[in-house]
Amino acid sequence: MKSIRFNSVWDLINKKTTPTVSTDKNVAFVKTIYSTVDEKEDLGINNQNLILSGSEFPVEAGAGQIFIKDGKPYIYKEQA
């Protein structure tokens, strides 16, 4: 058997890998990856970035906003 570093894709698929020792020894080294987010806007995500759906069109749709109503997609276009 080869070590996992020198395996090919076929070795991995056929489970011809040797077990390795975990390097995760202490949970004290685990850092928080993300903080608690209250609103999607905190991540820079706004409704115009999402595909929304429902029975009523959004009141404040942004240009390019995609909305699905009754299974049909609609894209909001500003009036010129």
PDB file of N, CA and C in Angstrom:
ATOM      1  N   MET A   1       0.827  -1.191   0.000  1.00  0.00           N
ATOM      2  CA  MET A   1       0.000   0.000   0.000  1.00  0.00           C
ATOM      3  C   MET A   1       0.868   1.250   0.000  1.00  0.00           C
ATOM      4  N   LYS A   2       0.373   2.257  -0.715  1.00  0.00           N
ATOM      5  CA  LYS A   2       1.064   3.533  -0.767  1.00  0.00           C
ATOM      6  C   LYS A   2       0.494   4.466   0.302  1.00  0.00           C
ATOM      7  N   SER A   3       1.271   5.447   0.682  1.00  0.00           N
ATOM      8  CA  SER A   3       0.726   6.429   1.615  1.00  0.00           C
ATOM      9  C   SER A   3      -0.280   7.298   0.864  1.00  0.00           C
ATOM     10  N   ILE A   4      -1.119   7.970   1.604  1.00  0.00           N
ATOM     11  CA  ILE A   4      -2.202   8.729   0.975  1.00  0.00           C
ATOM     12  C   ILE A   4      -1.671   9.834   0.065  1.00  0.00           C
ATOM     13  N   ARG A   5      -0.492  10.332   0.346  1.00  0.00           N
ATOM     14  CA  ARG A   5       0.084  11.394  -0.470  1.00  0.00           C
ATOM     15  C   ARG A   5       0.379  10.927  -1.893  1.00  0.00           C
ATOM     16  N   PHE A   6       0.684   9.639  -2.069  1.00  0.00           N
ATOM     17  CA  PHE A   6       1.066   9.129  -3.375  1.00  0.00           C
ATOM     18  C   PHE A   6      -0.025   8.298  -4.038  1.00  0.00           C
ATOM     19  N   ASN A   7      -1.226   8.358  -3.526  1.00  0.00           N
ATOM     20  CA  ASN A   7      -2.341   7.605  -4.107  1.00  0.00           C
ATOM     21  C   ASN A   7      -2.829   8.247  -5.392  1.00  0.00           C
ATOM     22  N   SER A   8      -3.331   7.390  -6.258  1.00  0.00           N
ATOM     23  CA  SER A   8      -4.012   7.890  -7.446  1.00  0.00           C
ATOM     24  C   SER A   8      -5.505   7.934  -7.127  1.00  0.00           C
ATOM     25  N   VAL A   9      -6.282   8.478  -8.026  1.00  0.00           N
ATOM     26  CA  VAL A   9      -7.739   8.511  -7.843  1.00  0.00           C
ATOM     27  C   VAL A   9      -8.283   7.093  -7.726  1.00  0.00           C
ATOM     28  N   TRP A  10      -7.728   6.188  -8.509  1.00  0.00           N
ATOM     29  CA  TRP A  10      -8.217   4.795  -8.469  1.00  0.00           C
ATOM     30  C   TRP A  10      -7.890   4.135  -7.139  1.00  0.00           C
ATOM     31  N   ASP A  11      -6.748   4.478  -6.536  1.00  0.00           N
ATOM     32  CA  ASP A  11      -6.417   3.953  -5.208  1.00  0.00           C
ATOM     33  C   ASP A  11      -7.443   4.416  -4.176  1.00  0.00           C
ATOM     34  N   LEU A  12      -7.831   5.668  -4.278  1.00  0.00           N
ATOM     35  CA  LEU A  12      -8.807   6.208  -3.333  1.00  0.00           C
ATOM     36  C   LEU A  12     -10.175   5.565  -3.530  1.00  0.00           C
ATOM     37  N   ILE A  13     -10.576   5.387  -4.785  1.00  0.00           N
ATOM     38  CA  ILE A  13     -11.877   4.773  -5.072  1.00  0.00           C
ATOM     39  C   ILE A  13     -11.903   3.324  -4.603  1.00  0.00           C
ATOM     40  N   ASN A  14     -10.812   2.600  -4.811  1.00  0.00           N
ATOM     41  CA  ASN A  14     -10.749   1.184  -4.424  1.00  0.00           C
ATOM     42  C   ASN A  14     -10.336   0.981  -2.970  1.00  0.00           C
ATOM     43  N   LYS A  15     -10.269   2.071  -2.217  1.00  0.00           N
ATOM     44  CA  LYS A  15      -9.954   2.051  -0.781  1.00  0.00           C
ATOM     45  C   LYS A  15      -8.616   1.383  -0.488  1.00  0.00           C
ATOM     46  N   LYS A  16      -7.617   1.685  -1.306  1.00  0.00           N
ATOM     47  CA  LYS A  16      -6.265   1.168  -1.090  1.00  0.00           C
ATOM     48  C   LYS A  16      -5.407   2.245  -0.430  1.00  0.00           C
ATOM     49  N   THR A  17      -5.879   2.749   0.687  1.00  0.00           N
ATOM     50  CA  THR A  17      -5.146   3.786   1.401  1.00  0.00           C
ATOM     51  C   THR A  17      -4.764   3.275   2.785  1.00  0.00           C
ATOM     52  N   THR A  18      -3.676   3.807   3.301  1.00  0.00           N
ATOM     53  CA  THR A  18      -3.263   3.430   4.655  1.00  0.00           C
ATOM     54  C   THR A  18      -3.852   4.452   5.633  1.00  0.00           C
ATOM     55  N   PRO A  19      -4.265   3.997   6.809  1.00  0.00           N
ATOM     56  CA  PRO A  19      -4.783   4.941   7.812  1.00  0.00           C
ATOM     57  C   PRO A  19      -3.697   5.914   8.263  1.00  0.00           C
ATOM     58  N   THR A  20      -4.086   7.123   8.568  1.00  0.00           N
ATOM     59  CA  THR A  20      -3.137   8.118   9.058  1.00  0.00           C
ATOM     60  C   THR A  20      -3.590   8.609  10.422  1.00  0.00           C
ATOM     61  N   VAL A  21      -2.643   9.082  11.200  1.00  0.00           N
ATOM     62  CA  VAL A  21      -2.943   9.606  12.523  1.00  0.00           C
ATOM     63  C   VAL A  21      -3.457  11.031  12.382  1.00  0.00           C
ATOM     64  N   SER A  22      -4.506  11.354  13.101  1.00  0.00           N
ATOM     65  CA  SER A  22      -5.067  12.692  13.057  1.00  0.00           C
ATOM     66  C   SER A  22      -4.115  13.681  13.709  1.00  0.00           C
ATOM     67  N   THR A  23      -4.037  14.872  13.136  1.00  0.00           N
ATOM     68  CA  THR A  23      -3.200  15.921  13.719  1.00  0.00           C
ATOM     69  C   THR A  23      -4.012  16.824  14.641  1.00  0.00           C
ATOM     70  N   ASP A  24      -5.309  16.590  14.742  1.00  0.00           N
ATOM     71  CA  ASP A  24      -6.162  17.384  15.628  1.00  0.00           C
ATOM     72  C   ASP A  24      -6.045  16.836  17.042  1.00  0.00           C
ATOM     73  N   LYS A  25      -5.189  17.444  17.839  1.00  0.00           N
ATOM     74  CA  LYS A  25      -4.912  16.934  19.179  1.00  0.00           C
ATOM     75  C   LYS A  25      -5.707  17.655  20.264  1.00  0.00           C
ATOM     76  N   ASN A  26      -5.979  18.936  20.064  1.00  0.00           N
ATOM     77  CA  ASN A  26      -6.564  19.718  21.137  1.00  0.00           C
ATOM     78  C   ASN A  26      -7.607  20.672  20.571  1.00  0.00           C
ATOM     79  N   VAL A  27      -8.811  20.637  21.110  1.00  0.00           N
ATOM     80  CA  VAL A  27      -9.861  21.519  20.612  1.00  0.00           C
ATOM     81  C   VAL A  27      -9.618  22.972  20.976  1.00  0.00           C
ATOM     82  N   ALA A  28      -8.689  23.246  21.845  1.00  0.00           N
ATOM     83  CA  ALA A  28      -8.400  24.632  22.219  1.00  0.00           C
ATOM     84  C   ALA A  28      -7.843  25.415  21.041  1.00  0.00           C
ATOM     85  N   PHE A  29      -7.321  24.716  20.031  1.00  0.00           N
ATOM     86  CA  PHE A  29      -6.757  25.398  18.871  1.00  0.00           C
ATOM     87  C   PHE A  29      -7.802  25.710  17.802  1.00  0.00           C
ATOM     88  N   VAL A  30      -9.003  25.212  17.975  1.00  0.00           N
ATOM     89  CA  VAL A  30     -10.049  25.473  16.990  1.00  0.00           C
ATOM     90  C   VAL A  30     -10.559  26.888  17.182  1.00  0.00           C
ATOM     91  N   LYS A  31     -10.501  27.676  16.135  1.00  0.00           N
ATOM     92  CA  LYS A  31     -10.958  29.064  16.207  1.00  0.00           C
ATOM     93  C   LYS A  31     -12.340  29.175  15.584  1.00  0.00           C
ATOM     94  N   THR A  32     -13.086  30.154  16.012  1.00  0.00           N
ATOM     95  CA  THR A  32     -14.386  30.410  15.417  1.00  0.00           C
ATOM     96  C   THR A  32     -14.176  30.884  13.989  1.00  0.00           C
ATOM     97  N   ILE A  33     -14.829  30.224  13.046  1.00  0.00           N
ATOM     98  CA  ILE A  33     -14.642  30.555  11.632  1.00  0.00           C
ATOM     99  C   ILE A  33     -15.444  31.798  11.262  1.00  0.00           C
ATOM    100  N   TYR A  34     -16.626  31.924  11.814  1.00  0.00           N
ATOM    101  CA  TYR A  34     -17.460  33.072  11.497  1.00  0.00           C
ATOM    102  C   TYR A  34     -18.173  33.522  12.756  1.00  0.00           C
ATOM    103  N   SER A  35     -18.505  34.782  12.780  1.00  0.00           N
ATOM    104  CA  SER A  35     -19.254  35.289  13.915  1.00  0.00           C
ATOM    105  C   SER A  35     -20.743  35.140  13.618  1.00  0.00           C
ATOM    106  N   THR A  36     -21.541  35.344  14.621  1.00  0.00           N
ATOM    107  CA  THR A  36     -22.985  35.245  14.444  1.00  0.00           C
ATOM    108  C   THR A  36     -23.461  36.379  13.550  1.00  0.00           C
ATOM    109  N   VAL A  37     -24.245  36.035  12.545  1.00  0.00           N
ATOM    110  CA  VAL A  37     -24.770  37.019  11.603  1.00  0.00           C
ATOM    111  C   VAL A  37     -26.273  37.111  11.811  1.00  0.00           C
ATOM    112  N   ASP A  38     -26.764  38.325  12.032  1.00  0.00           N
ATOM    113  CA  ASP A  38     -28.193  38.513  12.273  1.00  0.00           C
ATOM    114  C   ASP A  38     -28.976  38.703  10.978  1.00  0.00           C
ATOM    115  N   GLU A  39     -28.406  39.391  10.029  1.00  0.00           N
ATOM    116  CA  GLU A  39     -29.103  39.705   8.781  1.00  0.00           C
ATOM    117  C   GLU A  39     -28.227  39.323   7.594  1.00  0.00           C
ATOM    118  N   LYS A  40     -28.857  38.911   6.500  1.00  0.00           N
ATOM    119  CA  LYS A  40     -28.094  38.558   5.299  1.00  0.00           C
ATOM    120  C   LYS A  40     -27.353  39.765   4.746  1.00  0.00           C
ATOM    121  N   GLU A  41     -27.880  40.976   5.012  1.00  0.00           N
ATOM    122  CA  GLU A  41     -27.217  42.195   4.537  1.00  0.00           C
ATOM    123  C   GLU A  41     -25.845  42.385   5.197  1.00  0.00           C
ATOM    124  N   ASP A  42     -25.655  41.802   6.395  1.00  0.00           N
ATOM    125  CA  ASP A  42     -24.357  41.891   7.067  1.00  0.00           C
ATOM    126  C   ASP A  42     -23.271  41.197   6.256  1.00  0.00           C
ATOM    127  N   LEU A  43     -23.663  40.259   5.413  1.00  0.00           N
ATOM    128  CA  LEU A  43     -22.712  39.539   4.564  1.00  0.00           C
ATOM    129  C   LEU A  43     -22.633  40.135   3.159  1.00  0.00           C
ATOM    130  N   GLY A  44     -23.343  41.257   2.936  1.00  0.00           N
ATOM    131  CA  GLY A  44     -23.355  41.874   1.614  1.00  0.00           C
ATOM    132  C   GLY A  44     -24.328  41.219   0.662  1.00  0.00           C
ATOM    133  N   ILE A  45     -25.292  40.452   1.192  1.00  0.00           N
ATOM    134  CA  ILE A  45     -26.298  39.790   0.360  1.00  0.00           C
ATOM    135  C   ILE A  45     -27.603  40.581   0.475  1.00  0.00           C
ATOM    136  N   ASN A  46     -28.093  41.045  -0.637  1.00  0.00           N
ATOM    137  CA  ASN A  46     -29.348  41.797  -0.668  1.00  0.00           C
ATOM    138  C   ASN A  46     -30.366  41.030  -1.493  1.00  0.00           C
ATOM    139  N   ASN A  47     -31.619  41.439  -1.418  1.00  0.00           N
ATOM    140  CA  ASN A  47     -32.672  40.722  -2.130  1.00  0.00           C
ATOM    141  C   ASN A  47     -32.433  40.647  -3.629  1.00  0.00           C
ATOM    142  N   GLN A  48     -31.801  41.682  -4.212  1.00  0.00           N
ATOM    143  CA  GLN A  48     -31.576  41.627  -5.659  1.00  0.00           C
ATOM    144  C   GLN A  48     -30.553  40.562  -6.025  1.00  0.00           C
ATOM    145  N   ASN A  49     -29.802  40.037  -5.029  1.00  0.00           N
ATOM    146  CA  ASN A  49     -28.849  38.957  -5.273  1.00  0.00           C
ATOM    147  C   ASN A  49     -29.485  37.586  -5.139  1.00  0.00           C
ATOM    148  N   LEU A  50     -30.752  37.529  -4.709  1.00  0.00           N
ATOM    149  CA  LEU A  50     -31.419  36.262  -4.442  1.00  0.00           C
ATOM    150  C   LEU A  50     -32.570  36.043  -5.411  1.00  0.00           C
ATOM    151  N   ILE A  51     -32.897  34.796  -5.629  1.00  0.00           N
ATOM    152  CA  ILE A  51     -34.100  34.462  -6.385  1.00  0.00           C
ATOM    153  C   ILE A  51     -35.213  34.286  -5.361  1.00  0.00           C
ATOM    154  N   LEU A  52     -36.166  35.194  -5.377  1.00  0.00           N
ATOM    155  CA  LEU A  52     -37.272  35.152  -4.435  1.00  0.00           C
ATOM    156  C   LEU A  52     -38.467  34.473  -5.075  1.00  0.00           C
ATOM    157  N   SER A  53     -39.397  34.028  -4.251  1.00  0.00           N
ATOM    158  CA  SER A  53     -40.610  33.426  -4.778  1.00  0.00           C
ATOM    159  C   SER A  53     -41.754  33.694  -3.821  1.00  0.00           C
ATOM    160  N   GLY A  54     -42.966  33.570  -4.329  1.00  0.00           N
ATOM    161  CA  GLY A  54     -44.147  33.790  -3.510  1.00  0.00           C
ATOM    162  C   GLY A  54     -45.356  34.085  -4.373  1.00  0.00           C
ATOM    163  N   SER A  55     -46.406  34.557  -3.722  1.00  0.00           N
ATOM    164  CA  SER A  55     -47.638  34.849  -4.457  1.00  0.00           C
ATOM    165  C   SER A  55     -47.742  36.317  -4.829  1.00  0.00           C
ATOM    166  N   GLU A  56     -46.958  37.177  -4.188  1.00  0.00           N
ATOM    167  CA  GLU A  56     -46.973  38.618  -4.476  1.00  0.00           C
ATOM    168  C   GLU A  56     -45.579  39.077  -4.879  1.00  0.00           C
ATOM    169  N   PHE A  57     -45.507  39.971  -5.860  1.00  0.00           N
ATOM    170  CA  PHE A  57     -44.224  40.518  -6.280  1.00  0.00           C
ATOM    171  C   PHE A  57     -43.644  41.389  -5.165  1.00  0.00           C
ATOM    172  N   PRO A  58     -42.317  41.443  -5.027  1.00  0.00           N
ATOM    173  CA  PRO A  58     -41.717  42.278  -3.983  1.00  0.00           C
ATOM    174  C   PRO A  58     -41.988  43.758  -4.236  1.00  0.00           C
ATOM    175  N   VAL A  59     -42.245  44.490  -3.168  1.00  0.00           N
ATOM    176  CA  VAL A  59     -42.565  45.920  -3.281  1.00  0.00           C
ATOM    177  C   VAL A  59     -41.343  46.706  -3.715  1.00  0.00           C
ATOM    178  N   GLU A  60     -40.206  46.427  -3.125  1.00  0.00           N
ATOM    179  CA  GLU A  60     -38.985  47.181  -3.435  1.00  0.00           C
ATOM    180  C   GLU A  60     -37.994  46.302  -4.180  1.00  0.00           C
ATOM    181  N   ALA A  61     -38.354  45.873  -5.361  1.00  0.00           N
ATOM    182  CA  ALA A  61     -37.465  45.024  -6.166  1.00  0.00           C
ATOM    183  C   ALA A  61     -36.362  45.871  -6.769  1.00  0.00           C
ATOM    184  N   GLY A  62     -35.161  45.325  -6.805  1.00  0.00           N
ATOM    185  CA  GLY A  62     -34.040  46.014  -7.424  1.00  0.00           C
ATOM    186  C   GLY A  62     -33.906  45.603  -8.877  1.00  0.00           C
ATOM    187  N   ALA A  63     -33.155  46.388  -9.644  1.00  0.00           N
ATOM    188  CA  ALA A  63     -32.954  46.074 -11.059  1.00  0.00           C
ATOM    189  C   ALA A  63     -32.306  44.705 -11.189  1.00  0.00           C
ATOM    190  N   GLY A  64     -32.892  43.847 -11.993  1.00  0.00           N
ATOM    191  CA  GLY A  64     -32.359  42.513 -12.200  1.00  0.00           C
ATOM    192  C   GLY A  64     -32.856  41.492 -11.193  1.00  0.00           C
ATOM    193  N   GLN A  65     -33.727  41.921 -10.271  1.00  0.00           N
ATOM    194  CA  GLN A  65     -34.268  40.996  -9.275  1.00  0.00           C
ATOM    195  C   GLN A  65     -35.071  39.903  -9.956  1.00  0.00           C
ATOM    196  N   ILE A  66     -34.796  38.653  -9.603  1.00  0.00           N
ATOM    197  CA  ILE A  66     -35.528  37.513 -10.158  1.00  0.00           C
ATOM    198  C   ILE A  66     -36.555  37.069  -9.136  1.00  0.00           C
ATOM    199  N   PHE A  67     -37.783  36.886  -9.605  1.00  0.00           N
ATOM    200  CA  PHE A  67     -38.883  36.481  -8.734  1.00  0.00           C
ATOM    201  C   PHE A  67     -39.662  35.378  -9.429  1.00  0.00           C
ATOM    202  N   ILE A  68     -39.994  34.332  -8.693  1.00  0.00           N
ATOM    203  CA  ILE A  68     -40.759  33.229  -9.265  1.00  0.00           C
ATOM    204  C   ILE A  68     -42.166  33.261  -8.687  1.00  0.00           C
ATOM    205  N   LYS A  69     -43.148  33.397  -9.588  1.00  0.00           N
ATOM    206  CA  LYS A  69     -44.556  33.426  -9.190  1.00  0.00           C
ATOM    207  C   LYS A  69     -45.303  32.416 -10.043  1.00  0.00           C
ATOM    208  N   ASP A  70     -46.037  31.522  -9.404  1.00  0.00           N
ATOM    209  CA  ASP A  70     -46.793  30.477 -10.092  1.00  0.00           C
ATOM    210  C   ASP A  70     -45.908  29.655 -11.029  1.00  0.00           C
ATOM    211  N   GLY A  71     -44.664  29.415 -10.617  1.00  0.00           N
ATOM    212  CA  GLY A  71     -43.749  28.584 -11.395  1.00  0.00           C
ATOM    213  C   GLY A  71     -43.097  29.287 -12.569  1.00  0.00           C
ATOM    214  N   LYS A  72     -43.399  30.577 -12.774  1.00  0.00           N
ATOM    215  CA  LYS A  72     -42.799  31.333 -13.886  1.00  0.00           C
ATOM    216  C   LYS A  72     -41.802  32.345 -13.334  1.00  0.00           C
ATOM    217  N   PRO A  73     -40.595  32.401 -13.901  1.00  0.00           N
ATOM    218  CA  PRO A  73     -39.618  33.399 -13.428  1.00  0.00           C
ATOM    219  C   PRO A  73     -39.872  34.768 -14.068  1.00  0.00           C
ATOM    220  N   TYR A  74     -39.754  35.811 -13.260  1.00  0.00           N
ATOM    221  CA  TYR A  74     -39.878  37.197 -13.717  1.00  0.00           C
ATOM    222  C   TYR A  74     -38.620  37.935 -13.298  1.00  0.00           C
ATOM    223  N   ILE A  75     -38.152  38.854 -14.177  1.00  0.00           N
ATOM    224  CA  ILE A  75     -36.988  39.677 -13.868  1.00  0.00           C
ATOM    225  C   ILE A  75     -37.426  41.132 -13.878  1.00  0.00           C
ATOM    226  N   TYR A  76     -37.184  41.824 -12.772  1.00  0.00           N
ATOM    227  CA  TYR A  76     -37.581  43.218 -12.659  1.00  0.00           C
ATOM    228  C   TYR A  76     -36.684  44.101 -13.496  1.00  0.00           C
ATOM    229  N   LYS A  77     -37.294  44.953 -14.324  1.00  0.00           N
ATOM    230  CA  LYS A  77     -36.555  45.904 -15.147  1.00  0.00           C
ATOM    231  C   LYS A  77     -37.065  47.296 -14.833  1.00  0.00           C
ATOM    232  N   GLU A  78     -36.146  48.221 -14.558  1.00  0.00           N
ATOM    233  CA  GLU A  78     -36.564  49.583 -14.233  1.00  0.00           C
ATOM    234  C   GLU A  78     -37.167  50.259 -15.454  1.00  0.00           C
ATOM    235  N   GLN A  79     -38.104  51.144 -15.189  1.00  0.00           N
ATOM    236  CA  GLN A  79     -38.712  51.919 -16.278  1.00  0.00           C
ATOM    237  C   GLN A  79     -37.722  52.994 -16.726  1.00  0.00           C
ATOM    238  N   ALA A  80     -37.599  53.154 -18.059  1.00  0.00           N
ATOM    239  CA  ALA A  80     -36.653  54.154 -18.599  1.00  0.00           C
ATOM    240  C   ALA A  80     -37.280  55.520 -18.685  1.00  0.00           C
TER     241      ALA A  80
END
